[in-house]
């Protein structure tokens, strides 16, 4: 099963400095519920689940983490094009409110992990959809819409895990 949508990622080449779009998309990069948190949480869970004999679920979560890492790279590049350095903060270009690994949910119950992940993917989708309502630049909107497509694939895979348990 592929854990990303079967669609190409849009080019960032036409995106120019835009403070309004920057403020809208930045929290998805390194905010409390952003891609950095999702990546670290999936990696934590994968390592933990592997050690307790849940290798298949661990591998799936690690694959989702890799896709989320790609989203970090895309959003970091987008933030740079929009006019700020890709610093791990929810509010670039200001060097305040740096990312904290305390945002990761370090729960240890496999069932609870999946439930937390499902809720997180649903929040991510809603957050990105809210961004689309506020964004006016078509190229930026295309990037966010493409990320939503991946998040929907992640949600479906996690729901399948939850149903199998």
N, C-alpha and C. Protein backbone atom coordinates (compact mmCIF):
# COMPACT_ATOMS: atom_id res chain seq x y z
N UNK A 1 0.84 -1.18 0.00
CA UNK A 1 0.00 0.00 0.00
C UNK A 1 0.89 1.25 0.00
N UNK A 2 0.61 2.15 -0.91
CA UNK A 2 1.34 3.41 -0.95
C UNK A 2 0.73 4.36 0.08
N UNK A 3 1.57 5.05 0.80
CA UNK A 3 1.08 5.96 1.84
C UNK A 3 1.19 7.42 1.43
N UNK A 4 1.14 7.63 0.12
CA UNK A 4 0.99 8.98 -0.40
C UNK A 4 0.04 8.91 -1.58
N UNK A 5 -0.62 10.01 -1.85
CA UNK A 5 -1.57 10.07 -2.94
C UNK A 5 -0.86 9.89 -4.28
N UNK A 6 -1.54 9.32 -5.21
CA UNK A 6 -0.96 9.06 -6.53
C UNK A 6 -1.15 10.29 -7.42
N UNK A 7 -0.53 11.38 -7.00
CA UNK A 7 -0.60 12.65 -7.71
C UNK A 7 0.77 13.31 -7.66
N UNK A 8 1.14 14.06 -8.68
CA UNK A 8 2.42 14.77 -8.59
C UNK A 8 2.32 15.93 -7.60
N UNK A 9 3.46 16.29 -7.04
CA UNK A 9 3.51 17.48 -6.18
C UNK A 9 3.68 18.70 -7.07
N UNK A 10 2.96 19.78 -6.78
CA UNK A 10 3.09 20.99 -7.61
C UNK A 10 4.47 21.62 -7.48
N UNK A 11 4.85 22.31 -8.52
CA UNK A 11 6.12 23.05 -8.52
C UNK A 11 5.99 24.28 -7.62
N UNK A 12 7.08 24.62 -6.98
CA UNK A 12 7.12 25.84 -6.16
C UNK A 12 7.74 27.00 -6.93
N UNK A 13 8.13 26.76 -8.16
CA UNK A 13 8.93 27.74 -8.90
C UNK A 13 8.24 29.09 -9.10
N UNK A 14 6.93 29.15 -9.17
CA UNK A 14 6.25 30.42 -9.39
C UNK A 14 5.88 31.16 -8.12
N UNK A 15 6.23 30.62 -6.98
CA UNK A 15 5.82 31.22 -5.71
C UNK A 15 6.80 32.32 -5.31
N UNK A 16 6.25 33.47 -4.98
CA UNK A 16 7.05 34.65 -4.62
C UNK A 16 6.76 35.06 -3.17
N UNK A 17 7.53 36.02 -2.69
CA UNK A 17 7.37 36.53 -1.33
C UNK A 17 5.92 36.97 -1.11
N UNK A 18 5.35 36.51 0.01
CA UNK A 18 3.95 36.81 0.31
C UNK A 18 3.74 36.61 1.80
N UNK A 19 3.74 37.69 2.54
CA UNK A 19 3.66 37.64 4.01
C UNK A 19 2.34 37.05 4.49
N UNK A 20 1.26 37.32 3.78
CA UNK A 20 -0.05 36.79 4.20
C UNK A 20 -0.05 35.26 4.11
N UNK A 21 0.38 34.73 2.98
CA UNK A 21 0.44 33.27 2.82
C UNK A 21 1.42 32.66 3.81
N UNK A 22 2.53 33.33 4.05
CA UNK A 22 3.53 32.86 5.01
C UNK A 22 2.91 32.66 6.39
N UNK A 23 2.16 33.63 6.86
CA UNK A 23 1.52 33.53 8.18
C UNK A 23 0.49 32.40 8.22
N UNK A 24 -0.17 32.15 7.11
CA UNK A 24 -1.21 31.11 7.08
C UNK A 24 -0.60 29.71 7.10
N UNK A 25 0.45 29.48 6.34
CA UNK A 25 0.98 28.11 6.21
C UNK A 25 2.02 27.74 7.27
N UNK A 26 2.66 28.71 7.89
CA UNK A 26 3.76 28.43 8.82
C UNK A 26 3.43 27.46 9.95
N UNK A 27 2.28 27.55 10.60
CA UNK A 27 2.01 26.61 11.69
C UNK A 27 2.02 25.14 11.25
N UNK A 28 1.72 24.88 10.01
CA UNK A 28 1.74 23.49 9.52
C UNK A 28 3.15 22.93 9.45
N UNK A 29 4.13 23.79 9.41
CA UNK A 29 5.53 23.39 9.31
C UNK A 29 6.05 22.91 10.66
N UNK A 30 6.07 23.79 11.64
CA UNK A 30 6.67 23.44 12.93
C UNK A 30 5.84 23.91 14.11
N UNK A 31 4.54 24.04 13.91
CA UNK A 31 3.66 24.39 15.02
C UNK A 31 3.37 23.17 15.87
N UNK A 32 2.68 23.37 16.95
CA UNK A 32 2.35 22.31 17.90
C UNK A 32 1.74 21.08 17.20
N UNK A 33 0.88 21.30 16.24
CA UNK A 33 0.23 20.19 15.54
C UNK A 33 0.68 20.10 14.08
N UNK A 34 1.87 20.58 13.79
CA UNK A 34 2.37 20.60 12.43
C UNK A 34 3.07 19.31 12.00
N UNK A 35 3.66 19.39 10.84
CA UNK A 35 4.31 18.23 10.23
C UNK A 35 5.51 17.73 11.04
N UNK A 36 6.23 18.63 11.68
CA UNK A 36 7.38 18.20 12.48
C UNK A 36 6.91 17.34 13.65
N UNK A 37 5.85 17.75 14.31
CA UNK A 37 5.30 16.94 15.40
C UNK A 37 4.82 15.59 14.88
N UNK A 38 4.11 15.59 13.77
CA UNK A 38 3.61 14.33 13.21
C UNK A 38 4.77 13.39 12.90
N UNK A 39 5.81 13.91 12.27
CA UNK A 39 6.96 13.08 11.92
C UNK A 39 7.59 12.47 13.16
N UNK A 40 7.90 13.30 14.14
CA UNK A 40 8.55 12.80 15.35
C UNK A 40 7.66 11.82 16.11
N UNK A 41 6.38 12.07 16.13
CA UNK A 41 5.46 11.18 16.83
C UNK A 41 5.41 9.81 16.14
N UNK A 42 5.33 9.79 14.83
CA UNK A 42 5.30 8.52 14.10
C UNK A 42 6.62 7.75 14.28
N UNK A 43 7.73 8.46 14.28
CA UNK A 43 9.03 7.79 14.48
C UNK A 43 9.09 7.21 15.89
N UNK A 44 8.71 7.98 16.90
CA UNK A 44 8.67 7.47 18.27
C UNK A 44 7.82 6.21 18.34
N UNK A 45 6.62 6.28 17.79
CA UNK A 45 5.70 5.15 17.85
C UNK A 45 6.26 3.93 17.13
N UNK A 46 6.87 4.14 15.98
CA UNK A 46 7.43 3.03 15.22
C UNK A 46 8.53 2.33 16.01
N UNK A 47 9.40 3.10 16.61
CA UNK A 47 10.48 2.51 17.41
C UNK A 47 9.90 1.72 18.58
N UNK A 48 8.96 2.34 19.29
CA UNK A 48 8.36 1.70 20.45
C UNK A 48 7.61 0.42 20.04
N UNK A 49 6.79 0.51 19.00
CA UNK A 49 6.00 -0.66 18.58
C UNK A 49 6.89 -1.80 18.10
N UNK A 50 7.99 -1.48 17.44
CA UNK A 50 8.92 -2.52 17.00
C UNK A 50 9.46 -3.29 18.21
N UNK A 51 9.76 -2.58 19.28
CA UNK A 51 10.34 -3.25 20.46
C UNK A 51 9.34 -4.11 21.21
N UNK A 52 8.04 -3.91 20.98
CA UNK A 52 7.05 -4.75 21.66
C UNK A 52 6.39 -5.75 20.70
N UNK A 53 7.05 -5.98 19.57
CA UNK A 53 6.59 -7.03 18.66
C UNK A 53 5.48 -6.65 17.70
N UNK A 54 5.29 -5.38 17.47
CA UNK A 54 4.25 -4.92 16.53
C UNK A 54 4.93 -4.34 15.28
N UNK A 55 5.77 -5.18 14.66
CA UNK A 55 6.60 -4.74 13.56
C UNK A 55 5.84 -4.24 12.34
N UNK A 56 4.74 -4.90 12.00
CA UNK A 56 3.99 -4.49 10.81
C UNK A 56 3.41 -3.09 10.98
N UNK A 57 2.83 -2.83 12.14
CA UNK A 57 2.29 -1.49 12.41
C UNK A 57 3.43 -0.48 12.49
N UNK A 58 4.54 -0.87 13.10
CA UNK A 58 5.71 0.01 13.19
C UNK A 58 6.19 0.42 11.81
N UNK A 59 6.27 -0.51 10.89
CA UNK A 59 6.74 -0.21 9.53
C UNK A 59 5.77 0.74 8.82
N UNK A 60 4.48 0.53 9.00
CA UNK A 60 3.49 1.41 8.38
C UNK A 60 3.62 2.84 8.93
N UNK A 61 3.78 2.96 10.25
CA UNK A 61 3.92 4.30 10.84
C UNK A 61 5.21 4.97 10.38
N UNK A 62 6.26 4.19 10.21
CA UNK A 62 7.51 4.75 9.71
C UNK A 62 7.36 5.23 8.27
N UNK A 63 6.58 4.52 7.47
CA UNK A 63 6.33 4.97 6.10
C UNK A 63 5.53 6.28 6.09
N UNK A 64 4.57 6.39 7.00
CA UNK A 64 3.83 7.65 7.11
C UNK A 64 4.78 8.76 7.53
N UNK A 65 5.68 8.46 8.48
CA UNK A 65 6.65 9.46 8.93
C UNK A 65 7.50 9.97 7.77
N UNK A 66 7.90 9.08 6.88
CA UNK A 66 8.71 9.49 5.72
C UNK A 66 7.92 10.46 4.84
N UNK A 67 6.65 10.18 4.65
CA UNK A 67 5.81 11.09 3.86
C UNK A 67 5.67 12.43 4.58
N UNK A 68 5.49 12.40 5.89
CA UNK A 68 5.39 13.64 6.66
C UNK A 68 6.70 14.43 6.57
N UNK A 69 7.84 13.72 6.55
CA UNK A 69 9.13 14.41 6.37
C UNK A 69 9.18 15.12 5.03
N UNK A 70 8.61 14.49 4.02
CA UNK A 70 8.56 15.14 2.71
C UNK A 70 7.72 16.41 2.80
N UNK A 71 6.62 16.37 3.58
CA UNK A 71 5.81 17.57 3.76
C UNK A 71 6.61 18.67 4.46
N UNK A 72 7.46 18.29 5.42
CA UNK A 72 8.32 19.27 6.08
C UNK A 72 9.22 19.94 5.04
N UNK A 73 9.82 19.13 4.18
CA UNK A 73 10.71 19.68 3.15
C UNK A 73 9.94 20.61 2.21
N UNK A 74 8.75 20.20 1.80
CA UNK A 74 7.93 21.03 0.91
C UNK A 74 7.56 22.34 1.60
N UNK A 75 7.06 22.24 2.83
CA UNK A 75 6.64 23.45 3.56
C UNK A 75 7.83 24.36 3.87
N UNK A 76 8.97 23.77 4.21
CA UNK A 76 10.17 24.58 4.45
C UNK A 76 10.59 25.34 3.20
N UNK A 77 10.54 24.66 2.07
CA UNK A 77 10.86 25.33 0.80
C UNK A 77 9.83 26.40 0.47
N UNK A 78 8.57 26.09 0.74
CA UNK A 78 7.49 27.06 0.50
C UNK A 78 7.69 28.29 1.38
N UNK A 79 7.99 28.09 2.65
CA UNK A 79 8.22 29.19 3.57
C UNK A 79 9.38 30.07 3.08
N UNK A 80 10.43 29.43 2.59
CA UNK A 80 11.57 30.18 2.07
C UNK A 80 11.16 31.03 0.88
N UNK A 81 10.41 30.46 -0.03
CA UNK A 81 9.94 31.22 -1.20
C UNK A 81 8.99 32.34 -0.79
N UNK A 82 8.23 32.12 0.29
CA UNK A 82 7.29 33.15 0.75
C UNK A 82 7.99 34.27 1.51
N UNK A 83 9.29 34.08 1.82
CA UNK A 83 10.05 35.20 2.37
C UNK A 83 10.66 35.02 3.74
N UNK A 84 10.70 33.80 4.28
CA UNK A 84 11.29 33.60 5.61
C UNK A 84 12.23 32.40 5.57
N UNK A 85 13.19 32.37 6.48
CA UNK A 85 14.05 31.19 6.56
C UNK A 85 13.25 30.02 7.16
N UNK A 86 13.61 28.80 6.85
CA UNK A 86 12.84 27.64 7.33
C UNK A 86 13.20 27.24 8.76
N UNK A 87 13.16 28.20 9.67
CA UNK A 87 13.46 27.97 11.08
C UNK A 87 12.29 27.19 11.69
N UNK A 88 12.61 26.29 12.62
CA UNK A 88 11.57 25.47 13.24
C UNK A 88 10.83 26.26 14.31
N UNK A 89 9.94 27.12 13.83
CA UNK A 89 9.05 27.91 14.66
C UNK A 89 7.73 28.03 13.91
N UNK A 90 6.66 28.23 14.66
CA UNK A 90 5.35 28.37 14.02
C UNK A 90 5.13 29.76 13.45
N UNK A 91 6.05 30.68 13.73
CA UNK A 91 5.83 32.06 13.29
C UNK A 91 7.06 32.69 12.65
N UNK A 92 7.62 32.06 11.59
CA UNK A 92 8.73 32.73 10.91
C UNK A 92 8.24 34.03 10.28
N UNK A 93 9.05 35.02 10.10
CA UNK A 93 10.50 35.01 10.21
C UNK A 93 11.02 35.31 11.61
N UNK A 94 10.13 35.38 12.60
CA UNK A 94 10.55 35.76 13.94
C UNK A 94 11.19 34.58 14.66
N UNK A 95 12.38 34.78 15.21
CA UNK A 95 13.07 33.69 15.91
C UNK A 95 12.55 33.53 17.34
N UNK A 96 11.26 33.26 17.46
CA UNK A 96 10.62 33.05 18.76
C UNK A 96 9.74 31.81 18.68
N UNK A 97 9.37 31.28 19.81
CA UNK A 97 8.46 30.14 19.83
C UNK A 97 9.02 28.95 19.11
N UNK A 98 10.29 28.66 19.37
CA UNK A 98 10.93 27.54 18.69
C UNK A 98 10.20 26.23 18.98
N UNK A 99 10.33 25.32 18.08
CA UNK A 99 9.70 24.01 18.20
C UNK A 99 10.16 23.31 19.47
N UNK A 100 9.25 22.56 20.08
CA UNK A 100 9.57 21.78 21.27
C UNK A 100 9.11 20.34 21.07
N UNK A 101 9.98 19.39 21.35
CA UNK A 101 9.62 17.98 21.25
C UNK A 101 8.59 17.58 22.30
N UNK A 102 8.27 18.49 23.21
CA UNK A 102 7.21 18.20 24.17
C UNK A 102 5.84 18.16 23.49
N UNK A 103 5.75 18.61 22.25
CA UNK A 103 4.49 18.55 21.50
C UNK A 103 4.13 17.11 21.12
N UNK A 104 5.11 16.23 21.08
CA UNK A 104 4.88 14.83 20.72
C UNK A 104 4.11 14.13 21.83
N UNK A 105 3.15 13.30 21.46
CA UNK A 105 2.40 12.50 22.43
C UNK A 105 3.17 11.19 22.63
N UNK A 106 3.70 10.99 23.83
CA UNK A 106 4.53 9.82 24.12
C UNK A 106 3.75 8.67 24.76
N UNK A 107 2.52 8.52 24.39
CA UNK A 107 1.67 7.44 24.90
C UNK A 107 2.27 6.09 24.52
N UNK A 108 1.99 5.03 25.30
CA UNK A 108 2.61 3.73 25.05
C UNK A 108 1.63 2.63 24.67
N UNK A 109 0.35 2.85 24.77
CA UNK A 109 -0.63 1.85 24.39
C UNK A 109 -0.79 1.86 22.86
N UNK A 110 -0.56 0.71 22.19
CA UNK A 110 -0.69 0.68 20.72
C UNK A 110 -2.06 1.16 20.23
N UNK A 111 -3.12 0.75 20.89
CA UNK A 111 -4.46 1.17 20.47
C UNK A 111 -4.64 2.68 20.64
N UNK A 112 -4.12 3.20 21.75
CA UNK A 112 -4.22 4.65 21.98
C UNK A 112 -3.37 5.43 20.99
N UNK A 113 -2.22 4.88 20.62
CA UNK A 113 -1.37 5.54 19.63
C UNK A 113 -2.14 5.74 18.33
N UNK A 114 -2.78 4.67 17.87
CA UNK A 114 -3.51 4.76 16.59
C UNK A 114 -4.67 5.74 16.72
N UNK A 115 -5.36 5.72 17.86
CA UNK A 115 -6.47 6.65 18.07
C UNK A 115 -5.97 8.10 18.05
N UNK A 116 -4.84 8.35 18.70
CA UNK A 116 -4.24 9.70 18.70
C UNK A 116 -3.83 10.09 17.28
N UNK A 117 -3.28 9.14 16.54
CA UNK A 117 -2.85 9.42 15.17
C UNK A 117 -4.04 9.73 14.27
N UNK A 118 -5.12 8.98 14.42
CA UNK A 118 -6.33 9.24 13.62
C UNK A 118 -6.84 10.65 13.92
N UNK A 119 -6.92 10.98 15.20
CA UNK A 119 -7.38 12.33 15.57
C UNK A 119 -6.44 13.39 15.01
N UNK A 120 -5.13 13.13 15.04
CA UNK A 120 -4.16 14.08 14.51
C UNK A 120 -4.29 14.28 13.01
N UNK A 121 -4.49 13.19 12.28
CA UNK A 121 -4.66 13.32 10.83
C UNK A 121 -5.95 14.08 10.50
N UNK A 122 -7.00 13.84 11.27
CA UNK A 122 -8.25 14.57 11.05
C UNK A 122 -8.05 16.06 11.31
N UNK A 123 -7.32 16.39 12.39
CA UNK A 123 -7.02 17.81 12.69
C UNK A 123 -6.17 18.43 11.58
N UNK A 124 -5.21 17.66 11.10
CA UNK A 124 -4.34 18.17 10.03
C UNK A 124 -5.17 18.48 8.78
N UNK A 125 -6.04 17.57 8.42
CA UNK A 125 -6.88 17.78 7.23
C UNK A 125 -7.75 19.02 7.42
N UNK A 126 -8.39 19.13 8.59
CA UNK A 126 -9.22 20.32 8.86
C UNK A 126 -8.38 21.60 8.83
N UNK A 127 -7.18 21.53 9.41
CA UNK A 127 -6.30 22.70 9.41
C UNK A 127 -5.90 23.12 8.01
N UNK A 128 -5.53 22.15 7.20
CA UNK A 128 -5.15 22.47 5.82
C UNK A 128 -6.36 22.98 5.02
N UNK A 129 -7.53 22.40 5.25
CA UNK A 129 -8.73 22.88 4.56
C UNK A 129 -9.05 24.32 4.97
N UNK A 130 -8.82 24.64 6.23
CA UNK A 130 -9.02 26.01 6.70
C UNK A 130 -8.03 26.95 6.02
N UNK A 131 -6.80 26.48 5.83
CA UNK A 131 -5.81 27.29 5.12
C UNK A 131 -6.29 27.60 3.71
N UNK A 132 -6.84 26.59 3.05
CA UNK A 132 -7.33 26.80 1.68
C UNK A 132 -8.39 27.89 1.61
N UNK A 133 -9.20 27.99 2.66
CA UNK A 133 -10.23 29.03 2.70
C UNK A 133 -9.63 30.42 2.79
N UNK A 134 -8.44 30.51 3.41
CA UNK A 134 -7.80 31.82 3.62
C UNK A 134 -6.79 32.19 2.54
N UNK A 135 -6.21 31.19 1.89
CA UNK A 135 -5.18 31.45 0.89
C UNK A 135 -5.79 31.94 -0.42
N UNK A 136 -5.13 32.91 -1.05
CA UNK A 136 -5.61 33.42 -2.33
C UNK A 136 -4.68 33.09 -3.49
N UNK A 137 -3.41 32.80 -3.18
CA UNK A 137 -2.44 32.51 -4.24
C UNK A 137 -2.63 31.09 -4.77
N UNK A 138 -2.94 30.94 -6.05
CA UNK A 138 -3.23 29.61 -6.60
C UNK A 138 -2.09 28.60 -6.45
N UNK A 139 -0.85 29.04 -6.60
CA UNK A 139 0.27 28.10 -6.50
C UNK A 139 0.44 27.59 -5.07
N UNK A 140 0.21 28.46 -4.09
CA UNK A 140 0.30 28.04 -2.69
C UNK A 140 -0.87 27.12 -2.36
N UNK A 141 -2.04 27.46 -2.84
CA UNK A 141 -3.23 26.62 -2.63
C UNK A 141 -3.01 25.22 -3.20
N UNK A 142 -2.38 25.13 -4.36
CA UNK A 142 -2.12 23.83 -4.99
C UNK A 142 -1.22 22.96 -4.12
N UNK A 143 -0.22 23.57 -3.52
CA UNK A 143 0.69 22.83 -2.64
C UNK A 143 -0.08 22.27 -1.44
N UNK A 144 -0.88 23.11 -0.83
CA UNK A 144 -1.64 22.70 0.35
C UNK A 144 -2.67 21.62 -0.02
N UNK A 145 -3.33 21.78 -1.15
CA UNK A 145 -4.30 20.77 -1.58
C UNK A 145 -3.62 19.42 -1.81
N UNK A 146 -2.41 19.44 -2.34
CA UNK A 146 -1.69 18.18 -2.57
C UNK A 146 -1.30 17.51 -1.26
N UNK A 147 -0.91 18.29 -0.28
CA UNK A 147 -0.59 17.73 1.04
C UNK A 147 -1.84 17.12 1.67
N UNK A 148 -2.97 17.77 1.52
CA UNK A 148 -4.23 17.21 2.04
C UNK A 148 -4.48 15.83 1.46
N UNK A 149 -4.21 15.65 0.18
CA UNK A 149 -4.42 14.34 -0.45
C UNK A 149 -3.62 13.26 0.26
N UNK A 150 -2.36 13.56 0.62
CA UNK A 150 -1.55 12.59 1.37
C UNK A 150 -2.14 12.33 2.75
N UNK A 151 -2.56 13.38 3.43
CA UNK A 151 -3.10 13.22 4.78
C UNK A 151 -4.35 12.33 4.76
N UNK A 152 -5.13 12.42 3.72
CA UNK A 152 -6.32 11.55 3.60
C UNK A 152 -5.91 10.09 3.43
N UNK A 153 -4.83 9.84 2.70
CA UNK A 153 -4.31 8.48 2.56
C UNK A 153 -3.84 7.96 3.92
N UNK A 154 -3.16 8.80 4.68
CA UNK A 154 -2.69 8.41 6.02
C UNK A 154 -3.86 8.07 6.92
N UNK A 155 -4.89 8.91 6.88
CA UNK A 155 -6.07 8.69 7.71
C UNK A 155 -6.71 7.34 7.38
N UNK A 156 -6.86 7.06 6.10
CA UNK A 156 -7.47 5.79 5.69
C UNK A 156 -6.65 4.60 6.19
N UNK A 157 -5.33 4.67 6.05
CA UNK A 157 -4.47 3.57 6.50
C UNK A 157 -4.57 3.38 8.01
N UNK A 158 -4.61 4.46 8.75
CA UNK A 158 -4.72 4.37 10.21
C UNK A 158 -6.07 3.81 10.63
N UNK A 159 -7.12 4.22 9.93
CA UNK A 159 -8.45 3.68 10.24
C UNK A 159 -8.52 2.19 9.95
N UNK A 160 -7.82 1.75 8.91
CA UNK A 160 -7.77 0.31 8.62
C UNK A 160 -7.05 -0.45 9.73
N UNK A 161 -5.98 0.12 10.27
CA UNK A 161 -5.28 -0.51 11.40
C UNK A 161 -6.20 -0.60 12.60
N UNK A 162 -6.92 0.49 12.88
CA UNK A 162 -7.82 0.51 14.02
C UNK A 162 -8.91 -0.55 13.89
N UNK A 163 -9.43 -0.73 12.68
CA UNK A 163 -10.48 -1.73 12.45
C UNK A 163 -9.94 -3.15 12.56
N UNK A 164 -8.68 -3.35 12.21
CA UNK A 164 -8.09 -4.69 12.24
C UNK A 164 -7.80 -5.14 13.67
N UNK A 165 -7.69 -4.20 14.59
CA UNK A 165 -7.36 -4.55 15.99
C UNK A 165 -8.59 -4.79 16.83
